[in-house]
Amino acid sequence: MLDEKRALSLLGLCRKAARVSFGHDAAKKALRSKNAKLCLLCADASARLKEEFRGLAEETGVPLRELPFPTAQLKRATQYSAAVLTIDEVGFAAKLKQTIDQKP
């Protein structure tokens, strides 16, 4: 079971540390330049966006996770409104993956 509060807190820390790329273009650039360590999609991302980034993540070998919360909740935690983002630092990416993949 995902601890949403913890995940949102970690995302806020990533933003403050400038280790995150928000939005379509920035996330795509991070994936293509091999800077991205984890790709995240919000629950309300469009089907087209999800399909596009699943393909990009698979092509570049970057893990992808879908978050159970919407863009509005992400915005409250990070001050950025984006349906897709990448985490661009290994430590933050590992901790977020661990938090997201946590079993109940």
N, C-alpha and C. Protein backbone atom coordinates (compact mmCIF):
# COMPACT_ATOMS: atom_id res chain seq x y z
N MET A 1 0.84 -1.18 0.00
CA MET A 1 0.00 0.00 0.00
C MET A 1 0.89 1.24 0.00
N LEU A 2 0.69 2.10 -0.95
CA LEU A 2 1.50 3.31 -1.09
C LEU A 2 1.19 4.28 0.04
N ASP A 3 2.21 4.75 0.69
CA ASP A 3 2.07 5.80 1.70
C ASP A 3 2.11 7.13 0.95
N GLU A 4 0.91 7.64 0.58
CA GLU A 4 0.83 8.84 -0.26
C GLU A 4 1.51 10.04 0.38
N LYS A 5 1.34 10.21 1.68
CA LYS A 5 1.93 11.36 2.36
C LYS A 5 3.45 11.33 2.24
N ARG A 6 4.02 10.14 2.41
CA ARG A 6 5.48 9.99 2.31
C ARG A 6 5.96 10.23 0.88
N ALA A 7 5.23 9.68 -0.09
CA ALA A 7 5.60 9.85 -1.50
C ALA A 7 5.55 11.33 -1.88
N LEU A 8 4.50 12.03 -1.47
CA LEU A 8 4.38 13.45 -1.79
C LEU A 8 5.46 14.26 -1.10
N SER A 9 5.81 13.88 0.12
CA SER A 9 6.88 14.55 0.85
C SER A 9 8.22 14.37 0.13
N LEU A 10 8.50 13.16 -0.33
CA LEU A 10 9.73 12.89 -1.09
C LEU A 10 9.76 13.69 -2.39
N LEU A 11 8.61 13.79 -3.05
CA LEU A 11 8.55 14.56 -4.29
C LEU A 11 8.82 16.05 -4.02
N GLY A 12 8.32 16.54 -2.89
CA GLY A 12 8.61 17.92 -2.51
C GLY A 12 10.09 18.14 -2.27
N LEU A 13 10.74 17.17 -1.62
CA LEU A 13 12.18 17.26 -1.39
C LEU A 13 12.96 17.23 -2.71
N CYS A 14 12.52 16.38 -3.63
CA CYS A 14 13.17 16.31 -4.95
C CYS A 14 13.09 17.66 -5.65
N ARG A 15 11.93 18.30 -5.57
CA ARG A 15 11.76 19.61 -6.20
C ARG A 15 12.70 20.63 -5.57
N LYS A 16 12.75 20.65 -4.24
CA LYS A 16 13.62 21.61 -3.55
C LYS A 16 15.09 21.37 -3.89
N ALA A 17 15.45 20.12 -4.12
CA ALA A 17 16.83 19.78 -4.47
C ALA A 17 17.10 19.94 -5.97
N ALA A 18 16.08 20.34 -6.72
CA ALA A 18 16.19 20.52 -8.18
C ALA A 18 16.62 19.24 -8.88
N ARG A 19 16.04 18.12 -8.46
CA ARG A 19 16.36 16.82 -9.04
C ARG A 19 15.15 16.18 -9.70
N VAL A 20 14.29 17.03 -10.26
CA VAL A 20 13.07 16.55 -10.89
C VAL A 20 12.81 17.37 -12.15
N SER A 21 12.28 16.70 -13.18
CA SER A 21 11.90 17.37 -14.42
C SER A 21 10.38 17.25 -14.57
N PHE A 22 9.68 18.38 -14.51
CA PHE A 22 8.22 18.40 -14.57
C PHE A 22 7.72 18.68 -15.97
N GLY A 23 6.69 17.98 -16.37
CA GLY A 23 6.03 18.25 -17.64
C GLY A 23 6.54 17.42 -18.80
N HIS A 24 5.76 17.42 -19.85
CA HIS A 24 6.03 16.60 -21.03
C HIS A 24 7.41 16.83 -21.61
N ASP A 25 7.70 18.07 -21.97
CA ASP A 25 8.95 18.36 -22.66
C ASP A 25 10.18 18.11 -21.79
N ALA A 26 10.13 18.57 -20.54
CA ALA A 26 11.27 18.39 -19.63
C ALA A 26 11.50 16.92 -19.31
N ALA A 27 10.42 16.17 -19.10
CA ALA A 27 10.55 14.74 -18.79
C ALA A 27 11.09 13.98 -20.01
N LYS A 28 10.59 14.34 -21.18
CA LYS A 28 11.05 13.69 -22.41
C LYS A 28 12.55 13.95 -22.62
N LYS A 29 12.97 15.20 -22.39
CA LYS A 29 14.38 15.56 -22.54
C LYS A 29 15.24 14.79 -21.53
N ALA A 30 14.78 14.69 -20.29
CA ALA A 30 15.53 13.96 -19.26
C ALA A 30 15.66 12.48 -19.62
N LEU A 31 14.60 11.89 -20.16
CA LEU A 31 14.66 10.48 -20.56
C LEU A 31 15.63 10.29 -21.73
N ARG A 32 15.51 11.13 -22.73
CA ARG A 32 16.37 10.99 -23.92
C ARG A 32 17.85 11.26 -23.61
N SER A 33 18.12 12.15 -22.67
CA SER A 33 19.51 12.48 -22.34
C SER A 33 20.09 11.56 -21.26
N LYS A 34 19.30 10.58 -20.85
CA LYS A 34 19.72 9.58 -19.84
C LYS A 34 19.92 10.19 -18.45
N ASN A 35 19.33 11.36 -18.19
CA ASN A 35 19.40 11.96 -16.85
C ASN A 35 18.35 11.38 -15.92
N ALA A 36 17.23 10.93 -16.48
CA ALA A 36 16.12 10.42 -15.67
C ALA A 36 16.47 9.06 -15.06
N LYS A 37 16.13 8.91 -13.80
CA LYS A 37 16.34 7.63 -13.10
C LYS A 37 15.02 6.94 -12.79
N LEU A 38 13.91 7.70 -12.86
CA LEU A 38 12.57 7.19 -12.60
C LEU A 38 11.58 8.11 -13.28
N CYS A 39 10.59 7.54 -13.97
CA CYS A 39 9.54 8.30 -14.62
C CYS A 39 8.24 8.05 -13.88
N LEU A 40 7.50 9.11 -13.57
CA LEU A 40 6.25 9.00 -12.82
C LEU A 40 5.11 9.63 -13.60
N LEU A 41 3.96 8.94 -13.60
CA LEU A 41 2.75 9.44 -14.24
C LEU A 41 1.66 9.59 -13.19
N CYS A 42 0.96 10.72 -13.19
CA CYS A 42 -0.15 10.92 -12.27
C CYS A 42 -1.36 10.11 -12.72
N ALA A 43 -2.25 9.87 -11.79
CA ALA A 43 -3.43 9.05 -12.07
C ALA A 43 -4.31 9.65 -13.18
N ASP A 44 -4.34 10.97 -13.29
CA ASP A 44 -5.21 11.61 -14.27
C ASP A 44 -4.50 11.95 -15.59
N ALA A 45 -3.33 11.37 -15.81
CA ALA A 45 -2.65 11.56 -17.10
C ALA A 45 -3.47 10.92 -18.21
N SER A 46 -3.44 11.51 -19.37
CA SER A 46 -4.22 10.98 -20.49
C SER A 46 -3.66 9.63 -20.96
N ALA A 47 -4.50 8.87 -21.61
CA ALA A 47 -4.08 7.57 -22.14
C ALA A 47 -2.95 7.74 -23.15
N ARG A 48 -3.03 8.80 -23.97
CA ARG A 48 -1.99 9.06 -24.97
C ARG A 48 -0.66 9.36 -24.29
N LEU A 49 -0.69 10.17 -23.24
CA LEU A 49 0.53 10.51 -22.51
C LEU A 49 1.13 9.28 -21.84
N LYS A 50 0.29 8.46 -21.24
CA LYS A 50 0.76 7.23 -20.59
C LYS A 50 1.42 6.31 -21.61
N GLU A 51 0.77 6.16 -22.75
CA GLU A 51 1.31 5.28 -23.80
C GLU A 51 2.66 5.81 -24.30
N GLU A 52 2.74 7.12 -24.54
CA GLU A 52 3.97 7.73 -25.03
C GLU A 52 5.12 7.51 -24.04
N PHE A 53 4.89 7.75 -22.76
CA PHE A 53 5.96 7.65 -21.79
C PHE A 53 6.28 6.22 -21.39
N ARG A 54 5.31 5.32 -21.51
CA ARG A 54 5.64 3.90 -21.31
C ARG A 54 6.65 3.47 -22.37
N GLY A 55 6.41 3.88 -23.61
CA GLY A 55 7.32 3.55 -24.70
C GLY A 55 8.69 4.18 -24.52
N LEU A 56 8.72 5.45 -24.15
CA LEU A 56 10.01 6.14 -23.93
C LEU A 56 10.78 5.51 -22.77
N ALA A 57 10.09 5.21 -21.70
CA ALA A 57 10.76 4.61 -20.53
C ALA A 57 11.32 3.24 -20.89
N GLU A 58 10.55 2.46 -21.61
CA GLU A 58 11.02 1.14 -22.03
C GLU A 58 12.22 1.27 -22.97
N GLU A 59 12.14 2.19 -23.90
CA GLU A 59 13.21 2.42 -24.88
C GLU A 59 14.51 2.84 -24.20
N THR A 60 14.42 3.64 -23.15
CA THR A 60 15.61 4.16 -22.48
C THR A 60 16.01 3.34 -21.25
N GLY A 61 15.19 2.36 -20.87
CA GLY A 61 15.51 1.50 -19.73
C GLY A 61 15.27 2.15 -18.37
N VAL A 62 14.44 3.17 -18.35
CA VAL A 62 14.13 3.88 -17.10
C VAL A 62 12.85 3.29 -16.51
N PRO A 63 12.86 2.96 -15.21
CA PRO A 63 11.63 2.43 -14.59
C PRO A 63 10.52 3.48 -14.62
N LEU A 64 9.30 3.03 -14.79
CA LEU A 64 8.13 3.91 -14.82
C LEU A 64 7.13 3.43 -13.78
N ARG A 65 6.55 4.36 -13.04
CA ARG A 65 5.52 4.03 -12.07
C ARG A 65 4.35 4.99 -12.26
N GLU A 66 3.14 4.47 -12.02
CA GLU A 66 1.94 5.31 -12.05
C GLU A 66 1.56 5.63 -10.62
N LEU A 67 1.37 6.90 -10.34
CA LEU A 67 1.00 7.35 -9.01
C LEU A 67 -0.52 7.27 -8.86
N PRO A 68 -1.01 6.95 -7.67
CA PRO A 68 -2.45 6.84 -7.48
C PRO A 68 -3.15 8.17 -7.22
N PHE A 69 -2.38 9.25 -7.19
CA PHE A 69 -3.01 10.54 -6.93
C PHE A 69 -2.96 11.43 -8.17
N PRO A 70 -3.90 12.40 -8.25
CA PRO A 70 -4.01 13.26 -9.43
C PRO A 70 -2.99 14.40 -9.43
N THR A 71 -2.95 15.09 -10.54
CA THR A 71 -2.04 16.22 -10.74
C THR A 71 -2.24 17.30 -9.67
N ALA A 72 -3.48 17.56 -9.30
CA ALA A 72 -3.76 18.60 -8.30
C ALA A 72 -3.08 18.31 -6.97
N GLN A 73 -3.06 17.06 -6.58
CA GLN A 73 -2.41 16.67 -5.32
C GLN A 73 -0.89 16.82 -5.44
N LEU A 74 -0.34 16.50 -6.59
CA LEU A 74 1.09 16.69 -6.83
C LEU A 74 1.44 18.18 -6.76
N LYS A 75 0.57 19.02 -7.31
CA LYS A 75 0.81 20.46 -7.31
C LYS A 75 0.85 21.00 -5.88
N ARG A 76 -0.03 20.51 -5.01
CA ARG A 76 -0.02 20.97 -3.61
C ARG A 76 1.30 20.64 -2.93
N ALA A 77 1.92 19.54 -3.29
CA ALA A 77 3.16 19.10 -2.66
C ALA A 77 4.40 19.74 -3.27
N THR A 78 4.35 20.05 -4.57
CA THR A 78 5.57 20.50 -5.26
C THR A 78 5.48 21.90 -5.86
N GLN A 79 4.29 22.46 -5.90
CA GLN A 79 4.05 23.77 -6.53
C GLN A 79 4.12 23.73 -8.05
N TYR A 80 4.17 22.52 -8.63
CA TYR A 80 4.17 22.36 -10.08
C TYR A 80 3.01 21.47 -10.48
N SER A 81 2.33 21.84 -11.56
CA SER A 81 1.22 21.05 -12.07
C SER A 81 1.69 20.32 -13.33
N ALA A 82 1.85 19.01 -13.21
CA ALA A 82 2.30 18.21 -14.36
C ALA A 82 1.81 16.78 -14.19
N ALA A 83 1.38 16.18 -15.28
CA ALA A 83 0.90 14.81 -15.24
C ALA A 83 2.04 13.81 -15.38
N VAL A 84 3.20 14.27 -15.84
CA VAL A 84 4.37 13.40 -15.99
C VAL A 84 5.59 14.14 -15.44
N LEU A 85 6.47 13.39 -14.80
CA LEU A 85 7.70 13.95 -14.27
C LEU A 85 8.74 12.86 -14.19
N THR A 86 9.99 13.28 -14.14
CA THR A 86 11.08 12.31 -13.93
C THR A 86 11.88 12.74 -12.71
N ILE A 87 12.40 11.75 -12.03
CA ILE A 87 13.31 11.97 -10.91
C ILE A 87 14.70 11.77 -11.49
N ASP A 88 15.57 12.76 -11.30
CA ASP A 88 16.85 12.77 -11.99
C ASP A 88 18.05 12.52 -11.07
N GLU A 89 17.81 11.86 -9.96
CA GLU A 89 18.89 11.54 -9.02
C GLU A 89 18.65 10.13 -8.48
N VAL A 90 19.69 9.33 -8.43
CA VAL A 90 19.59 7.91 -8.09
C VAL A 90 18.99 7.67 -6.71
N GLY A 91 19.47 8.39 -5.70
CA GLY A 91 19.00 8.18 -4.33
C GLY A 91 17.52 8.47 -4.16
N PHE A 92 17.07 9.63 -4.69
CA PHE A 92 15.66 9.97 -4.61
C PHE A 92 14.81 8.96 -5.40
N ALA A 93 15.29 8.55 -6.56
CA ALA A 93 14.56 7.60 -7.38
C ALA A 93 14.40 6.27 -6.65
N ALA A 94 15.47 5.79 -6.02
CA ALA A 94 15.41 4.52 -5.30
C ALA A 94 14.43 4.60 -4.14
N LYS A 95 14.46 5.69 -3.38
CA LYS A 95 13.58 5.84 -2.23
C LYS A 95 12.12 5.95 -2.67
N LEU A 96 11.87 6.67 -3.75
CA LEU A 96 10.50 6.78 -4.26
C LEU A 96 9.99 5.44 -4.79
N LYS A 97 10.84 4.72 -5.52
CA LYS A 97 10.43 3.39 -6.00
C LYS A 97 10.08 2.49 -4.83
N GLN A 98 10.90 2.52 -3.80
CA GLN A 98 10.66 1.71 -2.61
C GLN A 98 9.32 2.10 -1.96
N THR A 99 9.06 3.38 -1.85
CA THR A 99 7.81 3.86 -1.25
C THR A 99 6.61 3.49 -2.10
N ILE A 100 6.71 3.64 -3.41
CA ILE A 100 5.61 3.35 -4.31
C ILE A 100 5.33 1.85 -4.38
N ASP A 101 6.38 1.04 -4.38
CA ASP A 101 6.22 -0.41 -4.52
C ASP A 101 5.95 -1.13 -3.19
N GLN A 102 5.88 -0.38 -2.12
CA GLN A 102 5.70 -0.94 -0.78
C GLN A 102 4.46 -1.84 -0.73
N LYS A 103 4.63 -3.03 -0.14
CA LYS A 103 3.52 -3.96 0.04
C LYS A 103 2.81 -3.64 1.34
N PRO A 104 1.48 -3.90 1.41
CA PRO A 104 0.73 -3.60 2.63
C PRO A 104 1.17 -4.44 3.82
